[in-house]
Amino acid sequence: MTEIATLGGGCFWCTEAVFSRVRGIVKVEPGYAGGWVSNPTYEQVCSDTTGHAEVVQIEFDPNLITYRELLEIFFEIHDPTTKNRQGNDVGSQYRSIILYHDEQQRSIALEVIDELNRTKFNGKIVTEVVPYTGFYRAEDYHFRFYDRNRDYPYCRYVISPKVKKLIEHFPSMVRMRES
C-alpha cells in the first residue's frame, strides 16, 4: 500500500534528484501542478502564465518513510522563505508549495510549518499549502535530468549540493550512496 505526496520546492530537477535517493520512495515524477491550464508544456509554465509550479509527485511506502519525514527533507533542501524564487530560479513556477491529497496531509504540513517557523525560520515560511487538484507529467527529457547530466553546470552547482545535504542530514534515509 503506497501513498502520494505532491511537493514543489523550486526546480523539479532538484527535488526529483533528492527524493529519488530516499528509502521508501517507489517513484518520483517531475511535473506541473497548482495552476489553471490543462496539460501545460514546460515553455508555458516558464512563461509564468499557467499558475503551475514545478513539482514532483512522489509515490512512497508509509511503512518505510512517513509523510512527515518527506516534509522534513523537503524543508531542508530548499528555501521555504522566498516567494516565487529558489536561488537564481525566479518566477511563480519555482514557488514553495505543498499540494495535500487529504486532510491528514494538510494537518501534518501545517504542523511541520508551525514547528519550523518557531524553531528554525522565525515565522518566515511562505510555502503554500493547497488542495491537490491534479498533476501534469513533465516532458520526458526532464526525467532523471540530474542522473543523466551530472556535468551540466546547473547540476554541479545547484543540484549536487542538495543531494549532498540529503546525505549529510538524513543518512539513515538515503537509499543509495553517491560516489
Protein backbone atom coordinates (compact mmCIF):
# COMPACT_ATOMS: atom_id res chain seq x y z
CA MET A 1 0.00 0.00 0.00
CA THR A 2 1.56 3.28 -1.10
CA GLU A 3 0.63 6.94 -0.75
CA ILE A 4 1.19 10.01 -2.91
CA ALA A 5 2.77 13.35 -1.99
CA THR A 6 2.99 16.33 -4.33
CA LEU A 7 5.63 18.94 -3.47
CA GLY A 8 7.20 21.93 -5.18
CA GLY A 9 10.45 23.39 -3.90
CA GLY A 10 11.92 25.16 -6.90
CA CYS A 11 13.26 23.37 -9.93
CA PHE A 12 11.88 19.86 -10.22
CA TRP A 13 15.27 18.58 -11.40
CA CYS A 14 16.49 19.28 -7.84
CA THR A 15 13.59 17.77 -5.94
CA GLU A 16 13.49 14.70 -8.18
CA ALA A 17 17.24 14.12 -7.72
CA VAL A 18 16.91 14.28 -3.94
CA PHE A 19 13.74 12.27 -3.44
CA SER A 20 14.80 9.54 -5.88
CA ARG A 21 17.58 8.74 -3.39
CA VAL A 22 15.33 8.34 -0.35
CA ARG A 23 14.45 4.92 1.02
CA GLY A 24 10.77 4.11 0.85
CA ILE A 25 10.22 6.11 -2.31
CA VAL A 26 8.65 3.95 -5.01
CA LYS A 27 8.53 6.55 -7.79
CA VAL A 28 9.26 10.26 -8.32
CA GLU A 29 7.86 12.09 -11.34
CA PRO A 30 8.54 15.72 -12.25
CA GLY A 31 5.58 17.71 -13.46
CA TYR A 32 3.30 20.68 -13.00
CA ALA A 33 0.52 21.39 -10.51
CA GLY A 34 -1.27 24.20 -8.76
CA GLY A 35 -2.40 26.14 -11.81
CA TRP A 36 -5.41 26.50 -14.06
CA VAL A 37 -4.16 25.44 -17.53
CA SER A 38 -4.75 21.82 -18.58
CA ASN A 39 -1.80 19.86 -19.95
CA PRO A 40 0.71 22.72 -19.84
CA THR A 41 4.08 22.50 -21.53
CA TYR A 42 7.37 23.43 -19.91
CA GLU A 43 7.53 26.56 -22.04
CA GLN A 44 4.03 27.60 -20.94
CA VAL A 45 4.83 27.03 -17.28
CA CYS A 46 8.07 29.01 -17.65
CA SER A 47 6.10 31.89 -19.17
CA ASP A 48 4.52 32.36 -15.72
CA THR A 49 1.00 32.43 -17.22
CA THR A 50 -0.37 28.99 -16.24
CA GLY A 51 -0.35 29.28 -12.46
CA HIS A 52 1.51 25.98 -12.21
CA ALA A 53 4.56 25.25 -10.11
CA GLU A 54 7.27 22.78 -10.97
CA VAL A 55 6.57 19.88 -8.62
CA VAL A 56 7.40 16.27 -8.01
CA GLN A 57 4.76 13.64 -7.46
CA ILE A 58 6.15 11.10 -5.03
CA GLU A 59 4.78 7.61 -4.53
CA PHE A 60 6.03 6.34 -1.18
CA ASP A 61 5.64 3.42 1.19
CA PRO A 62 4.41 4.86 4.51
CA ASN A 63 5.79 1.79 6.31
CA LEU A 64 9.30 2.87 5.30
CA ILE A 65 9.02 6.68 5.33
CA THR A 66 6.30 8.88 6.73
CA TYR A 67 4.75 11.93 5.15
CA ARG A 68 6.24 13.99 7.99
CA GLU A 69 9.71 12.67 7.16
CA LEU A 70 9.18 13.60 3.49
CA LEU A 71 8.33 17.13 4.60
CA GLU A 72 11.39 17.30 6.87
CA ILE A 73 13.57 16.51 3.85
CA PHE A 74 11.57 18.92 1.67
CA PHE A 75 12.11 21.85 4.05
CA GLU A 76 15.83 21.06 4.40
CA ILE A 77 16.61 21.01 0.68
CA HIS A 78 15.01 24.29 -0.38
CA ASP A 79 14.41 27.78 0.97
CA PRO A 80 10.76 28.00 2.04
CA THR A 81 11.13 31.68 2.96
CA THR A 82 11.49 33.14 -0.53
CA LYS A 83 8.35 33.78 -2.51
CA ASN A 84 8.48 32.65 -6.14
CA ARG A 85 12.21 32.04 -6.03
CA GLN A 86 14.88 29.45 -5.34
CA GLY A 87 18.34 30.93 -5.75
CA ASN A 88 18.66 32.24 -9.32
CA ASP A 89 15.43 30.48 -10.39
CA VAL A 90 12.79 33.21 -10.28
CA GLY A 91 9.08 33.01 -11.09
CA SER A 92 5.91 31.58 -9.60
CA GLN A 93 6.73 28.19 -11.12
CA TYR A 94 9.56 27.94 -8.55
CA ARG A 95 7.39 28.70 -5.52
CA SER A 96 7.40 26.55 -2.42
CA ILE A 97 4.15 24.57 -2.43
CA ILE A 98 2.61 21.53 -0.76
CA LEU A 99 -0.42 20.11 -2.55
CA TYR A 100 -2.14 17.92 0.03
CA HIS A 101 -4.11 14.84 -1.00
CA ASP A 102 -6.21 14.53 2.15
CA GLU A 103 -6.94 16.22 5.45
CA GLN A 104 -4.24 14.25 7.25
CA GLN A 105 -1.55 15.55 4.86
CA ARG A 106 -2.89 19.08 5.27
CA SER A 107 -2.76 18.80 9.06
CA ILE A 108 0.77 17.37 9.07
CA ALA A 109 2.00 20.05 6.65
CA LEU A 110 0.60 22.84 8.83
CA GLU A 111 2.09 21.25 11.98
CA VAL A 112 5.54 20.95 10.40
CA ILE A 113 5.41 24.53 9.12
CA ASP A 114 4.35 25.79 12.55
CA GLU A 115 7.18 23.86 14.24
CA LEU A 116 9.79 25.09 11.76
CA ASN A 117 8.52 28.67 11.97
CA ARG A 118 9.04 28.50 15.75
CA THR A 119 12.38 26.67 15.75
CA LYS A 120 14.27 27.44 12.55
CA PHE A 121 12.68 30.03 10.26
CA ASN A 122 11.40 32.66 12.71
CA GLY A 123 7.92 32.82 11.17
CA LYS A 124 9.16 33.45 7.62
CA ILE A 125 7.92 30.34 5.77
CA VAL A 126 5.88 31.30 2.69
CA THR A 127 5.15 27.75 1.50
CA GLU A 128 1.65 27.44 0.07
CA VAL A 129 -0.45 24.59 1.47
CA VAL A 130 -3.25 23.97 -1.01
CA PRO A 131 -5.52 21.09 -2.02
CA TYR A 132 -4.28 18.80 -4.75
CA THR A 133 -6.37 19.29 -7.89
CA GLY A 134 -4.28 17.49 -10.48
CA PHE A 135 -0.83 16.74 -11.78
CA TYR A 136 0.55 17.06 -15.29
CA ARG A 137 3.59 14.93 -16.01
CA ALA A 138 6.59 16.85 -17.37
CA GLU A 139 8.10 16.11 -20.74
CA ASP A 140 10.31 13.00 -20.84
CA TYR A 141 13.57 14.94 -21.13
CA HIS A 142 13.05 16.28 -17.58
CA PHE A 143 13.03 12.81 -16.03
CA ARG A 144 16.25 11.82 -14.25
CA PHE A 145 17.84 15.03 -15.54
CA TYR A 146 20.47 15.12 -12.80
CA ASP A 147 21.44 11.48 -13.23
CA ARG A 148 21.84 11.92 -16.99
CA ASN A 149 23.61 15.32 -16.87
CA ARG A 150 25.88 15.43 -13.82
CA ASP A 151 28.46 17.58 -15.60
CA TYR A 152 25.90 20.20 -16.61
CA PRO A 153 26.80 23.35 -14.60
CA TYR A 154 23.31 23.62 -13.04
CA CYS A 155 23.61 20.03 -11.83
CA ARG A 156 27.09 20.55 -10.36
CA TYR A 157 26.42 23.86 -8.66
CA VAL A 158 22.75 23.68 -7.68
CA ILE A 159 21.58 20.07 -7.53
CA SER A 160 24.71 18.31 -6.22
CA PRO A 161 24.78 20.41 -3.02
CA LYS A 162 21.15 19.46 -2.34
CA VAL A 163 21.92 15.77 -2.80
CA LYS A 164 24.94 16.19 -0.51
CA LYS A 165 22.73 17.89 2.08
CA LEU A 166 20.33 14.93 1.99
CA ILE A 167 23.21 12.50 2.56
CA GLU A 168 24.66 14.59 5.40
CA HIS A 169 21.42 15.48 7.20
CA PHE A 170 19.42 12.29 6.65
CA PRO A 171 21.96 9.45 6.28
CA SER A 172 19.56 6.78 7.56
CA MET A 173 17.01 7.77 4.91
CA VAL A 174 19.33 7.53 1.93
CA ARG A 175 18.68 4.54 -0.30
CA MET A 176 22.00 4.60 -2.13
CA ARG A 177 25.34 6.20 -1.59
CA GLU A 178 26.78 8.68 -4.05
CA SER A 179 30.29 8.02 -5.29
